[in-house]
Amino acid sequence: MRYVIYLILAFGILCSSAKIYIPSHPKSIARQSYALSPNVLWNLAKNESNFNPNALSPDGHDRGMFQLRDTYNKIRGIQNPFDPVESYQHATKILLANFKTFKSYKLMLAAYRQGVQGVKDHGIDPISRLYVNRILKRS
């Protein structure tokens, strides 16, 4: 069953309590996310929101299944961060950009959590190290 869900996630079809979300262009999403392990995407969504598309961080600035930051949402023109497909698409773009910058899964995930500049300036902070290890350990 877990492998079926991996395949679904890998092609941009996200499942959420009794609803199935299918993006308008699953092939383009699959092309974008080919470099990312479905396990990493799965574990990231599990860690960020426990697959809850309506998740809101305690400070109220991170929203949706992949907990996209408000500032990022405004810059990138994200219409609805609570839409799991849109959240998945933008999280994938962020991860791919981070991977292109750092060429490392660990640094890619640390940058997802603490920002690219934070990783460049200070390396992986202790909280991000735990975050990265938790996601990669499950993969």
N, C-alpha and C. Protein backbone atom coordinates (compact mmCIF):
# COMPACT_ATOMS: atom_id res chain seq x y z
N MET A 1 0.82 -1.19 0.00
CA MET A 1 0.00 0.00 0.00
C MET A 1 0.87 1.26 0.00
N ARG A 2 1.94 1.24 0.78
CA ARG A 2 2.80 2.42 0.89
C ARG A 2 3.40 2.77 -0.47
N TYR A 3 3.75 1.77 -1.28
CA TYR A 3 4.34 2.04 -2.58
C TYR A 3 3.33 2.65 -3.54
N VAL A 4 2.07 2.27 -3.42
CA VAL A 4 1.02 2.88 -4.24
C VAL A 4 0.92 4.35 -3.90
N ILE A 5 0.95 4.68 -2.63
CA ILE A 5 0.88 6.08 -2.22
C ILE A 5 2.11 6.84 -2.70
N TYR A 6 3.28 6.21 -2.67
CA TYR A 6 4.50 6.85 -3.21
C TYR A 6 4.30 7.20 -4.67
N LEU A 7 3.77 6.27 -5.44
CA LEU A 7 3.54 6.53 -6.85
C LEU A 7 2.55 7.67 -7.05
N ILE A 8 1.51 7.66 -6.28
CA ILE A 8 0.52 8.72 -6.38
C ILE A 8 1.17 10.06 -6.08
N LEU A 9 1.95 10.13 -5.01
CA LEU A 9 2.62 11.37 -4.64
C LEU A 9 3.63 11.78 -5.70
N ALA A 10 4.35 10.84 -6.25
CA ALA A 10 5.37 11.14 -7.25
C ALA A 10 4.78 11.78 -8.50
N PHE A 11 3.57 11.42 -8.85
CA PHE A 11 2.95 11.98 -10.04
C PHE A 11 2.03 13.16 -9.73
N GLY A 12 2.09 13.64 -8.52
CA GLY A 12 1.35 14.85 -8.19
C GLY A 12 -0.11 14.65 -7.90
N ILE A 13 -0.49 13.43 -7.63
CA ILE A 13 -1.87 13.18 -7.25
C ILE A 13 -1.87 12.96 -5.74
N LEU A 14 -2.48 13.88 -5.02
CA LEU A 14 -2.42 13.82 -3.57
C LEU A 14 -3.75 13.38 -2.99
N CYS A 15 -3.67 12.54 -1.99
CA CYS A 15 -4.89 12.07 -1.35
C CYS A 15 -5.02 12.74 0.01
N SER A 16 -6.23 13.08 0.35
CA SER A 16 -6.51 13.68 1.63
C SER A 16 -7.90 13.24 2.05
N SER A 17 -8.04 12.83 3.26
CA SER A 17 -9.29 12.35 3.84
C SER A 17 -10.50 12.42 2.92
N ALA A 18 -10.70 11.39 2.16
CA ALA A 18 -11.86 11.21 1.30
C ALA A 18 -11.87 12.08 0.05
N LYS A 19 -10.82 12.82 -0.22
CA LYS A 19 -10.75 13.59 -1.47
C LYS A 19 -9.48 13.21 -2.20
N ILE A 20 -9.55 13.13 -3.49
CA ILE A 20 -8.36 12.89 -4.30
C ILE A 20 -8.15 14.13 -5.15
N TYR A 21 -6.96 14.68 -5.08
CA TYR A 21 -6.63 15.88 -5.82
C TYR A 21 -5.78 15.51 -7.01
N ILE A 22 -6.22 15.86 -8.20
CA ILE A 22 -5.48 15.54 -9.41
C ILE A 22 -5.12 16.85 -10.11
N PRO A 23 -3.84 17.13 -10.28
CA PRO A 23 -3.44 18.37 -10.94
C PRO A 23 -3.82 18.36 -12.42
N SER A 24 -3.90 19.55 -12.98
CA SER A 24 -4.31 19.64 -14.38
C SER A 24 -3.25 19.09 -15.33
N HIS A 25 -1.99 19.12 -14.95
CA HIS A 25 -0.90 18.65 -15.82
C HIS A 25 0.03 17.72 -15.04
N PRO A 26 -0.42 16.49 -14.72
CA PRO A 26 0.44 15.61 -13.94
C PRO A 26 1.76 15.28 -14.61
N LYS A 27 1.81 15.28 -15.95
CA LYS A 27 3.08 14.96 -16.62
C LYS A 27 4.11 16.05 -16.38
N SER A 28 3.68 17.30 -16.38
CA SER A 28 4.64 18.38 -16.14
C SER A 28 5.16 18.33 -14.71
N ILE A 29 4.31 17.98 -13.76
CA ILE A 29 4.75 17.86 -12.38
C ILE A 29 5.72 16.70 -12.25
N ALA A 30 5.43 15.59 -12.91
CA ALA A 30 6.33 14.44 -12.85
C ALA A 30 7.69 14.81 -13.44
N ARG A 31 7.70 15.58 -14.52
CA ARG A 31 8.97 16.02 -15.11
C ARG A 31 9.73 16.90 -14.13
N GLN A 32 9.02 17.79 -13.43
CA GLN A 32 9.68 18.70 -12.49
C GLN A 32 10.26 17.95 -11.31
N SER A 33 9.57 16.90 -10.87
CA SER A 33 9.96 16.27 -9.62
C SER A 33 10.78 14.99 -9.81
N TYR A 34 11.24 14.73 -11.04
CA TYR A 34 11.94 13.46 -11.29
C TYR A 34 13.20 13.31 -10.45
N ALA A 35 13.84 14.41 -10.07
CA ALA A 35 15.09 14.32 -9.32
C ALA A 35 14.85 14.08 -7.83
N LEU A 36 13.62 14.20 -7.39
CA LEU A 36 13.32 14.04 -5.98
C LEU A 36 12.77 12.65 -5.70
N SER A 37 13.26 12.08 -4.66
CA SER A 37 12.76 10.77 -4.25
C SER A 37 11.33 10.92 -3.73
N PRO A 38 10.42 10.07 -4.19
CA PRO A 38 9.06 10.11 -3.63
C PRO A 38 9.07 9.92 -2.12
N ASN A 39 10.04 9.15 -1.60
CA ASN A 39 10.14 8.96 -0.15
C ASN A 39 10.39 10.27 0.56
N VAL A 40 11.24 11.11 0.00
CA VAL A 40 11.54 12.39 0.63
C VAL A 40 10.31 13.29 0.62
N LEU A 41 9.60 13.33 -0.52
CA LEU A 41 8.39 14.13 -0.59
C LEU A 41 7.34 13.62 0.40
N TRP A 42 7.19 12.32 0.46
CA TRP A 42 6.25 11.69 1.38
C TRP A 42 6.59 12.08 2.82
N ASN A 43 7.85 11.90 3.19
CA ASN A 43 8.27 12.18 4.57
C ASN A 43 8.22 13.66 4.90
N LEU A 44 8.46 14.50 3.92
CA LEU A 44 8.37 15.94 4.14
C LEU A 44 6.92 16.32 4.45
N ALA A 45 5.97 15.83 3.65
CA ALA A 45 4.55 16.12 3.90
C ALA A 45 4.11 15.54 5.24
N LYS A 46 4.59 14.37 5.57
CA LYS A 46 4.27 13.74 6.86
C LYS A 46 4.81 14.60 8.00
N ASN A 47 6.04 15.05 7.87
CA ASN A 47 6.68 15.83 8.92
C ASN A 47 6.06 17.23 9.05
N GLU A 48 5.79 17.86 7.93
CA GLU A 48 5.30 19.24 7.95
C GLU A 48 3.87 19.35 8.46
N SER A 49 2.98 18.43 8.03
CA SER A 49 1.56 18.62 8.34
C SER A 49 0.81 17.34 8.66
N ASN A 50 1.51 16.21 8.64
CA ASN A 50 0.85 14.91 8.77
C ASN A 50 -0.23 14.75 7.69
N PHE A 51 0.10 15.26 6.50
CA PHE A 51 -0.75 15.19 5.31
C PHE A 51 -2.05 16.00 5.43
N ASN A 52 -2.08 16.95 6.32
CA ASN A 52 -3.26 17.79 6.49
C ASN A 52 -3.16 19.00 5.56
N PRO A 53 -3.99 19.08 4.51
CA PRO A 53 -3.90 20.21 3.58
C PRO A 53 -4.32 21.54 4.20
N ASN A 54 -5.00 21.49 5.35
CA ASN A 54 -5.45 22.71 6.02
C ASN A 54 -4.57 23.09 7.21
N ALA A 55 -3.39 22.49 7.30
CA ALA A 55 -2.51 22.76 8.44
C ALA A 55 -2.07 24.22 8.48
N LEU A 56 -1.97 24.72 9.68
CA LEU A 56 -1.52 26.09 9.94
C LEU A 56 -0.51 26.02 11.07
N SER A 57 0.65 26.64 10.89
CA SER A 57 1.67 26.60 11.93
C SER A 57 1.19 27.37 13.16
N PRO A 58 1.79 27.10 14.32
CA PRO A 58 1.38 27.80 15.54
C PRO A 58 1.51 29.33 15.42
N ASP A 59 2.52 29.81 14.68
CA ASP A 59 2.67 31.26 14.53
C ASP A 59 1.78 31.82 13.40
N GLY A 60 1.15 30.92 12.65
CA GLY A 60 0.21 31.34 11.62
C GLY A 60 0.83 31.76 10.30
N HIS A 61 2.15 31.60 10.14
CA HIS A 61 2.82 32.05 8.93
C HIS A 61 3.08 30.95 7.92
N ASP A 62 2.96 29.70 8.33
CA ASP A 62 3.18 28.57 7.43
C ASP A 62 1.85 27.86 7.22
N ARG A 63 1.56 27.56 5.94
CA ARG A 63 0.23 27.05 5.63
C ARG A 63 0.28 25.87 4.67
N GLY A 64 -0.69 24.98 4.82
CA GLY A 64 -0.88 23.90 3.88
C GLY A 64 -0.09 22.64 4.19
N MET A 65 -0.22 21.67 3.28
CA MET A 65 0.38 20.36 3.48
C MET A 65 1.90 20.43 3.60
N PHE A 66 2.52 21.34 2.84
CA PHE A 66 3.98 21.45 2.88
C PHE A 66 4.43 22.69 3.64
N GLN A 67 3.51 23.31 4.38
CA GLN A 67 3.80 24.44 5.26
C GLN A 67 4.61 25.54 4.57
N LEU A 68 4.04 26.05 3.48
CA LEU A 68 4.68 27.13 2.73
C LEU A 68 4.52 28.44 3.49
N ARG A 69 5.59 29.19 3.55
CA ARG A 69 5.64 30.45 4.31
C ARG A 69 4.86 31.54 3.58
N ASP A 70 4.17 32.40 4.34
CA ASP A 70 3.39 33.50 3.77
C ASP A 70 4.21 34.36 2.83
N THR A 71 5.44 34.69 3.23
CA THR A 71 6.27 35.56 2.38
C THR A 71 6.54 34.89 1.04
N TYR A 72 6.79 33.58 1.05
CA TYR A 72 7.01 32.84 -0.19
C TYR A 72 5.73 32.84 -1.02
N ASN A 73 4.60 32.64 -0.37
CA ASN A 73 3.32 32.61 -1.07
C ASN A 73 3.07 33.91 -1.82
N LYS A 74 3.39 35.03 -1.19
CA LYS A 74 3.18 36.33 -1.83
C LYS A 74 4.14 36.53 -3.00
N ILE A 75 5.41 36.19 -2.81
CA ILE A 75 6.42 36.37 -3.85
C ILE A 75 6.09 35.52 -5.08
N ARG A 76 5.70 34.28 -4.86
CA ARG A 76 5.46 33.33 -5.95
C ARG A 76 4.03 33.35 -6.48
N GLY A 77 3.18 34.16 -5.87
CA GLY A 77 1.80 34.27 -6.34
C GLY A 77 0.96 33.02 -6.10
N ILE A 78 1.21 32.35 -5.00
CA ILE A 78 0.43 31.17 -4.68
C ILE A 78 -0.97 31.63 -4.28
N GLN A 79 -1.96 31.13 -5.00
CA GLN A 79 -3.33 31.54 -4.78
C GLN A 79 -3.92 30.93 -3.51
N ASN A 80 -3.67 29.64 -3.32
CA ASN A 80 -4.27 28.93 -2.19
C ASN A 80 -3.28 27.93 -1.62
N PRO A 81 -2.54 28.30 -0.58
CA PRO A 81 -1.57 27.36 0.00
C PRO A 81 -2.22 26.14 0.65
N PHE A 82 -3.54 26.20 0.85
CA PHE A 82 -4.25 25.06 1.43
C PHE A 82 -4.67 24.04 0.36
N ASP A 83 -4.47 24.38 -0.90
CA ASP A 83 -4.73 23.44 -1.99
C ASP A 83 -3.54 22.48 -2.05
N PRO A 84 -3.75 21.19 -1.79
CA PRO A 84 -2.61 20.27 -1.74
C PRO A 84 -1.83 20.17 -3.04
N VAL A 85 -2.48 20.32 -4.17
CA VAL A 85 -1.77 20.24 -5.44
C VAL A 85 -0.86 21.44 -5.60
N GLU A 86 -1.38 22.63 -5.33
CA GLU A 86 -0.56 23.83 -5.44
C GLU A 86 0.58 23.81 -4.42
N SER A 87 0.29 23.34 -3.22
CA SER A 87 1.32 23.22 -2.19
C SER A 87 2.42 22.25 -2.65
N TYR A 88 2.01 21.11 -3.20
CA TYR A 88 2.96 20.12 -3.70
C TYR A 88 3.83 20.69 -4.82
N GLN A 89 3.18 21.38 -5.76
CA GLN A 89 3.92 21.94 -6.89
C GLN A 89 4.99 22.92 -6.42
N HIS A 90 4.62 23.79 -5.51
CA HIS A 90 5.58 24.81 -5.07
C HIS A 90 6.64 24.23 -4.13
N ALA A 91 6.27 23.28 -3.31
CA ALA A 91 7.27 22.62 -2.47
C ALA A 91 8.30 21.91 -3.34
N THR A 92 7.82 21.27 -4.40
CA THR A 92 8.72 20.59 -5.34
C THR A 92 9.66 21.59 -6.00
N LYS A 93 9.14 22.73 -6.42
CA LYS A 93 9.99 23.77 -7.03
C LYS A 93 11.06 24.25 -6.06
N ILE A 94 10.66 24.48 -4.80
CA ILE A 94 11.61 24.93 -3.78
C ILE A 94 12.69 23.87 -3.59
N LEU A 95 12.28 22.62 -3.43
CA LEU A 95 13.25 21.55 -3.20
C LEU A 95 14.21 21.38 -4.37
N LEU A 96 13.68 21.44 -5.60
CA LEU A 96 14.55 21.31 -6.77
C LEU A 96 15.54 22.46 -6.87
N ALA A 97 15.08 23.67 -6.57
CA ALA A 97 15.99 24.83 -6.58
C ALA A 97 17.06 24.67 -5.50
N ASN A 98 16.66 24.20 -4.34
CA ASN A 98 17.62 23.97 -3.25
C ASN A 98 18.62 22.87 -3.63
N PHE A 99 18.12 21.82 -4.28
CA PHE A 99 19.02 20.74 -4.68
C PHE A 99 20.00 21.22 -5.75
N LYS A 100 19.51 22.04 -6.66
CA LYS A 100 20.38 22.60 -7.70
C LYS A 100 21.48 23.47 -7.08
N THR A 101 21.13 24.19 -6.03
CA THR A 101 22.09 25.07 -5.35
C THR A 101 23.12 24.27 -4.57
N PHE A 102 22.67 23.26 -3.82
CA PHE A 102 23.57 22.58 -2.87
C PHE A 102 24.05 21.20 -3.31
N LYS A 103 23.34 20.56 -4.26
CA LYS A 103 23.71 19.21 -4.73
C LYS A 103 23.76 18.19 -3.59
N SER A 104 22.89 18.36 -2.61
CA SER A 104 22.87 17.49 -1.44
C SER A 104 21.45 17.44 -0.88
N TYR A 105 20.98 16.24 -0.59
CA TYR A 105 19.65 16.11 0.00
C TYR A 105 19.60 16.75 1.38
N LYS A 106 20.66 16.56 2.16
CA LYS A 106 20.68 17.14 3.52
C LYS A 106 20.60 18.66 3.46
N LEU A 107 21.43 19.27 2.64
CA LEU A 107 21.41 20.73 2.53
C LEU A 107 20.12 21.23 1.89
N MET A 108 19.58 20.46 0.94
CA MET A 108 18.32 20.82 0.30
C MET A 108 17.22 20.92 1.35
N LEU A 109 17.12 19.91 2.21
CA LEU A 109 16.08 19.91 3.24
C LEU A 109 16.32 20.96 4.32
N ALA A 110 17.59 21.15 4.68
CA ALA A 110 17.90 22.19 5.67
C ALA A 110 17.50 23.56 5.13
N ALA A 111 17.76 23.80 3.85
CA ALA A 111 17.38 25.07 3.23
C ALA A 111 15.87 25.21 3.15
N TYR A 112 15.16 24.12 2.99
CA TYR A 112 13.69 24.17 2.99
C TYR A 112 13.20 24.68 4.34
N ARG A 113 13.87 24.25 5.40
CA ARG A 113 13.45 24.63 6.74
C ARG A 113 13.98 26.01 7.15
N GLN A 114 15.26 26.29 6.92
CA GLN A 114 15.84 27.52 7.46
C GLN A 114 16.18 28.56 6.40
N GLY A 115 15.93 28.25 5.14
CA GLY A 115 16.21 29.20 4.07
C GLY A 115 17.58 28.98 3.46
N VAL A 116 17.69 29.28 2.19
CA VAL A 116 18.95 29.08 1.46
C VAL A 116 20.06 29.92 2.06
N GLN A 117 19.77 31.20 2.30
CA GLN A 117 20.81 32.09 2.83
C GLN A 117 21.26 31.66 4.22
N GLY A 118 20.33 31.17 5.02
CA GLY A 118 20.68 30.68 6.35
C GLY A 118 21.66 29.53 6.29
N VAL A 119 21.43 28.61 5.35
CA VAL A 119 22.35 27.48 5.19
C VAL A 119 23.69 27.95 4.65
N LYS A 120 23.67 28.88 3.68
CA LYS A 120 24.92 29.40 3.13
C LYS A 120 25.74 30.12 4.20
N ASP A 121 25.07 30.90 5.03
CA ASP A 121 25.77 31.72 6.03
C ASP A 121 26.20 30.93 7.26
N HIS A 122 25.35 29.99 7.72
CA HIS A 122 25.59 29.35 9.01
C HIS A 122 25.66 27.83 8.97
N GLY A 123 25.45 27.23 7.81
CA GLY A 123 25.39 25.78 7.76
C GLY A 123 24.07 25.28 8.33
N ILE A 124 24.01 24.01 8.63
CA ILE A 124 22.77 23.43 9.17
C ILE A 124 22.73 23.67 10.67
N ASP A 125 21.68 24.38 11.12
CA ASP A 125 21.55 24.62 12.56
C ASP A 125 21.08 23.34 13.26
N PRO A 126 21.22 23.25 14.59
CA PRO A 126 20.89 22.01 15.30
C PRO A 126 19.45 21.54 15.11
N ILE A 127 18.49 22.46 15.08
CA ILE A 127 17.09 22.07 14.89
C ILE A 127 16.88 21.53 13.48
N SER A 128 17.50 22.18 12.50
CA SER A 128 17.39 21.70 11.12
C SER A 128 18.06 20.34 10.96
N ARG A 129 19.14 20.10 11.69
CA ARG A 129 19.83 18.81 11.62
C ARG A 129 18.88 17.69 12.06
N LEU A 130 18.14 17.92 13.14
CA LEU A 130 17.15 16.93 13.60
C LEU A 130 16.04 16.75 12.56
N TYR A 131 15.58 17.87 12.00
CA TYR A 131 14.54 17.87 10.98
C TYR A 131 14.97 17.04 9.77
N VAL A 132 16.18 17.32 9.26
CA VAL A 132 16.71 16.60 8.10
C VAL A 132 16.85 15.12 8.40
N ASN A 133 17.42 14.80 9.55
CA ASN A 133 17.62 13.40 9.90
C ASN A 133 16.29 12.66 10.03
N ARG A 134 15.28 13.31 10.58
CA ARG A 134 13.96 12.69 10.73
C ARG A 134 13.37 12.37 9.36
N ILE A 135 13.50 13.29 8.41
CA ILE A 135 12.94 13.06 7.07
C ILE A 135 13.73 11.99 6.31
N LEU A 136 15.04 12.07 6.36
CA LEU A 136 15.86 11.10 5.63
C LEU A 136 15.86 9.72 6.27
N LYS A 137 15.70 9.67 7.58
CA LYS A 137 15.68 8.37 8.26
C LYS A 137 14.48 7.54 7.82
N ARG A 138 13.37 8.18 7.56
CA ARG A 138 12.16 7.49 7.12
C ARG A 138 12.24 7.08 5.66
N SER A 139 13.14 7.69 4.90
CA SER A 139 13.21 7.45 3.44
C SER A 139 13.85 6.12 3.12
